[in-house]
C-alpha atoms as a PDB file:
ATOM      1  CA  UNK A   1     -17.245   9.022  -2.358  1.00  0.00           C
ATOM      2  CA  UNK A   2     -14.936   6.032  -2.374  1.00  0.00           C
ATOM      3  CA  UNK A   3     -13.658   4.841   0.974  1.00  0.00           C
ATOM      4  CA  UNK A   4     -11.524   1.898   2.061  1.00  0.00           C
ATOM      5  CA  UNK A   5     -11.315   1.798   5.839  1.00  0.00           C
ATOM      6  CA  UNK A   6      -8.843  -0.500   7.537  1.00  0.00           C
ATOM      7  CA  UNK A   7      -9.088  -0.947  11.282  1.00  0.00           C
ATOM      8  CA  UNK A   8      -7.399  -3.937  12.891  1.00  0.00           C
ATOM      9  CA  UNK A   9      -3.665  -3.313  12.980  1.00  0.00           C
ATOM     10  CA  UNK A  10      -1.595  -3.369  16.116  1.00  0.00           C
ATOM     11  CA  UNK A  11       1.249  -4.946  18.032  1.00  0.00           C
ATOM     12  CA  UNK A  12       1.549  -8.716  18.183  1.00  0.00           C
ATOM     13  CA  UNK A  13       4.233 -11.093  19.422  1.00  0.00           C
ATOM     14  CA  UNK A  14       6.145 -13.355  17.043  1.00  0.00           C
ATOM     15  CA  UNK A  15       4.127 -16.473  16.338  1.00  0.00           C
ATOM     16  CA  UNK A  16       0.892 -14.643  17.026  1.00  0.00           C
ATOM     17  CA  UNK A  17      -2.110 -13.925  14.861  1.00  0.00           C
ATOM     18  CA  UNK A  18      -3.940 -10.865  13.669  1.00  0.00           C
ATOM     19  CA  UNK A  19      -6.919 -10.265  11.414  1.00  0.00           C
ATOM     20  CA  UNK A  20      -7.125  -7.191   9.226  1.00  0.00           C
ATOM     21  CA  UNK A  21     -10.316  -5.982   7.622  1.00  0.00           C
ATOM     22  CA  UNK A  22     -11.027  -3.421   4.936  1.00  0.00           C
ATOM     23  CA  UNK A  23     -14.547  -2.031   4.598  1.00  0.00           C
ATOM     24  CA  UNK A  24     -15.343  -0.544   1.206  1.00  0.00           C
ATOM     25  CA  UNK A  25     -17.954   1.960   0.094  1.00  0.00           C
ATOM     26  CA  UNK A  26     -18.647   4.210  -2.861  1.00  0.00           C
ATOM     27  CA  UNK A  27     -18.165   1.629  -5.613  1.00  0.00           C
ATOM     28  CA  UNK A  28     -19.557  -1.756  -6.674  1.00  0.00           C
ATOM     29  CA  UNK A  29     -17.382  -3.943  -4.484  1.00  0.00           C
ATOM     30  CA  UNK A  30     -18.181  -7.294  -6.117  1.00  0.00           C
ATOM     31  CA  UNK A  31     -16.838  -6.086  -9.473  1.00  0.00           C
ATOM     32  CA  UNK A  32     -13.388  -5.243  -8.120  1.00  0.00           C
ATOM     33  CA  UNK A  33     -10.385  -7.409  -7.425  1.00  0.00           C
ATOM     34  CA  UNK A  34      -9.265  -6.841  -3.841  1.00  0.00           C
ATOM     35  CA  UNK A  35      -5.738  -7.062  -2.556  1.00  0.00           C
ATOM     36  CA  UNK A  36      -3.500  -6.456   0.432  1.00  0.00           C
ATOM     37  CA  UNK A  37      -0.116  -4.801   0.100  1.00  0.00           C
ATOM     38  CA  UNK A  38       2.479  -3.824   2.662  1.00  0.00           C
ATOM     39  CA  UNK A  39       5.340  -1.404   2.972  1.00  0.00           C
ATOM     40  CA  UNK A  40       8.110  -1.758   5.508  1.00  0.00           C
ATOM     41  CA  UNK A  41      10.379   1.186   6.424  1.00  0.00           C
ATOM     42  CA  UNK A  42      12.902   1.816   3.675  1.00  0.00           C
ATOM     43  CA  UNK A  43      11.335  -0.728   1.343  1.00  0.00           C
ATOM     44  CA  UNK A  44       9.011  -0.606  -1.616  1.00  0.00           C
ATOM     45  CA  UNK A  45       5.359  -1.470  -1.307  1.00  0.00           C
ATOM     46  CA  UNK A  46       4.813  -5.140  -2.124  1.00  0.00           C
ATOM     47  CA  UNK A  47       1.916  -7.403  -2.881  1.00  0.00           C
ATOM     48  CA  UNK A  48       0.848  -9.652  -0.017  1.00  0.00           C
ATOM     49  CA  UNK A  49      -2.306 -11.302  -1.337  1.00  0.00           C
ATOM     50  CA  UNK A  50      -4.918 -10.690  -3.995  1.00  0.00           C
ATOM     51  CA  UNK A  51      -8.402 -12.036  -4.578  1.00  0.00           C
ATOM     52  CA  UNK A  52     -10.116 -11.318  -7.889  1.00  0.00           C
ATOM     53  CA  UNK A  53     -13.878 -11.246  -8.174  1.00  0.00           C
ATOM     54  CA  UNK A  54     -14.153 -15.030  -8.010  1.00  0.00           C
ATOM     55  CA  UNK A  55     -12.773 -17.340  -5.393  1.00  0.00           C
ATOM     56  CA  UNK A  56      -9.194 -17.635  -6.630  1.00  0.00           C
ATOM     57  CA  UNK A  57      -6.357 -16.230  -4.546  1.00  0.00           C
ATOM     58  CA  UNK A  58      -2.707 -15.411  -5.017  1.00  0.00           C
ATOM     59  CA  UNK A  59      -0.066 -14.883  -2.345  1.00  0.00           C
ATOM     60  CA  UNK A  60       3.464 -13.646  -2.040  1.00  0.00           C
ATOM     61  CA  UNK A  61       5.836 -16.539  -1.415  1.00  0.00           C
ATOM     62  CA  UNK A  62       6.822 -15.032   1.928  1.00  0.00           C
ATOM     63  CA  UNK A  63       3.292 -15.387   3.336  1.00  0.00           C
ATOM     64  CA  UNK A  64       2.045 -18.588   1.681  1.00  0.00           C
ATOM     65  CA  UNK A  65       0.663 -21.001   4.221  1.00  0.00           C
ATOM     66  CA  UNK A  66       0.493 -18.312   6.918  1.00  0.00           C
ATOM     67  CA  UNK A  67      -1.857 -15.641   5.537  1.00  0.00           C
ATOM     68  CA  UNK A  68      -5.358 -16.047   4.117  1.00  0.00           C
ATOM     69  CA  UNK A  69      -7.281 -13.463   2.129  1.00  0.00           C
ATOM     70  CA  UNK A  70     -11.048 -13.615   1.939  1.00  0.00           C
ATOM     71  CA  UNK A  71     -13.910 -11.364   0.940  1.00  0.00           C
ATOM     72  CA  UNK A  72     -17.552 -10.956   1.883  1.00  0.00           C
ATOM     73  CA  UNK A  73     -19.381  -9.267  -0.970  1.00  0.00           C
ATOM     74  CA  UNK A  74     -22.523  -8.895   1.131  1.00  0.00           C
ATOM     75  CA  UNK A  75     -20.559  -6.798   3.628  1.00  0.00           C
ATOM     76  CA  UNK A  76     -18.293  -5.066   1.080  1.00  0.00           C
ATOM     77  CA  UNK A  77     -15.334  -6.208   3.138  1.00  0.00           C
ATOM     78  CA  UNK A  78     -12.046  -7.950   2.473  1.00  0.00           C
ATOM     79  CA  UNK A  79     -10.057  -9.662   5.226  1.00  0.00           C
ATOM     80  CA  UNK A  80      -6.488 -10.773   5.782  1.00  0.00           C
ATOM     81  CA  UNK A  81      -6.004 -13.469   8.393  1.00  0.00           C
ATOM     82  CA  UNK A  82      -2.358 -13.511   9.455  1.00  0.00           C
ATOM     83  CA  UNK A  83      -0.941 -16.420  11.455  1.00  0.00           C
ATOM     84  CA  UNK A  84       2.549 -17.400  12.609  1.00  0.00           C
ATOM     85  CA  UNK A  85       3.593 -13.780  12.354  1.00  0.00           C
ATOM     86  CA  UNK A  86       7.277 -12.948  12.091  1.00  0.00           C
ATOM     87  CA  UNK A  87       9.173  -9.729  12.839  1.00  0.00           C
ATOM     88  CA  UNK A  88       9.746  -9.342   9.100  1.00  0.00           C
ATOM     89  CA  UNK A  89       5.977  -9.025   8.639  1.00  0.00           C
ATOM     90  CA  UNK A  90       6.164  -5.642  10.347  1.00  0.00           C
ATOM     91  CA  UNK A  91       4.875  -3.023   7.920  1.00  0.00           C
ATOM     92  CA  UNK A  92       2.034  -0.712   7.064  1.00  0.00           C
ATOM     93  CA  UNK A  93      -0.641  -2.824   5.408  1.00  0.00           C
ATOM     94  CA  UNK A  94      -2.865  -1.345   2.704  1.00  0.00           C
ATOM     95  CA  UNK A  95      -5.922  -2.705   0.973  1.00  0.00           C
ATOM     96  CA  UNK A  96      -6.494  -1.989  -2.690  1.00  0.00           C
ATOM     97  CA  UNK A  97      -9.470  -2.298  -4.993  1.00  0.00           C
ATOM     98  CA  UNK A  98      -8.857  -2.605  -8.726  1.00  0.00           C
ATOM     99  CA  UNK A  99     -10.981  -2.942 -11.832  1.00  0.00           C
ATOM    100  CA  UNK A 100      -9.125  -2.526 -15.124  1.00  0.00           C
ATOM    101  CA  UNK A 101      -7.198   0.759 -14.801  1.00  0.00           C
ATOM    102  CA  UNK A 102      -9.229   2.074 -11.858  1.00  0.00           C
ATOM    103  CA  UNK A 103      -7.742   1.527  -8.433  1.00  0.00           C
ATOM    104  CA  UNK A 104      -8.488   2.713  -4.926  1.00  0.00           C
ATOM    105  CA  UNK A 105      -6.257   2.485  -1.849  1.00  0.00           C
ATOM    106  CA  UNK A 106      -6.952   2.444   1.835  1.00  0.00           C
ATOM    107  CA  UNK A 107      -5.088   4.679   4.251  1.00  0.00           C
ATOM    108  CA  UNK A 108      -3.027   1.844   5.682  1.00  0.00           C
ATOM    109  CA  UNK A 109      -2.784   0.237   9.096  1.00  0.00           C
ATOM    110  CA  UNK A 110       0.385  -0.462  11.068  1.00  0.00           C
ATOM    111  CA  UNK A 111       1.221  -4.037  11.985  1.00  0.00           C
ATOM    112  CA  UNK A 112       4.176  -4.512  14.323  1.00  0.00           C
ATOM    113  CA  UNK A 113       5.484  -7.962  15.212  1.00  0.00           C
ATOM    114  CA  UNK A 114       7.770  -7.745  18.200  1.00  0.00           C
ATOM    115  CA  UNK A 115       8.366  -9.287  21.588  1.00  0.00           C
END
């Protein structure tokens, strides 16, 4: 049974930091590209950051220099370190695993940036 579990969301003040994690099980984690997406109210889901099976990374322009994606294949976990958070970063954040046409999604975790 495939699971992507994402604890770690919450409320943070503007300028603050938060670290999301996504623990995977039920598939061979190291073979899958891992990504973080987000969806704000009334908006479409968008890519935040992606990390293929190697060490390369790709980020949305809106988060470059502020967010860092990383993965630990030994722990079957992908992380998203978020710094200098802005109110416009408020959204439900989802992790995604993808290999060719197969993809799995986490249930999402709410991140709210507000004073």
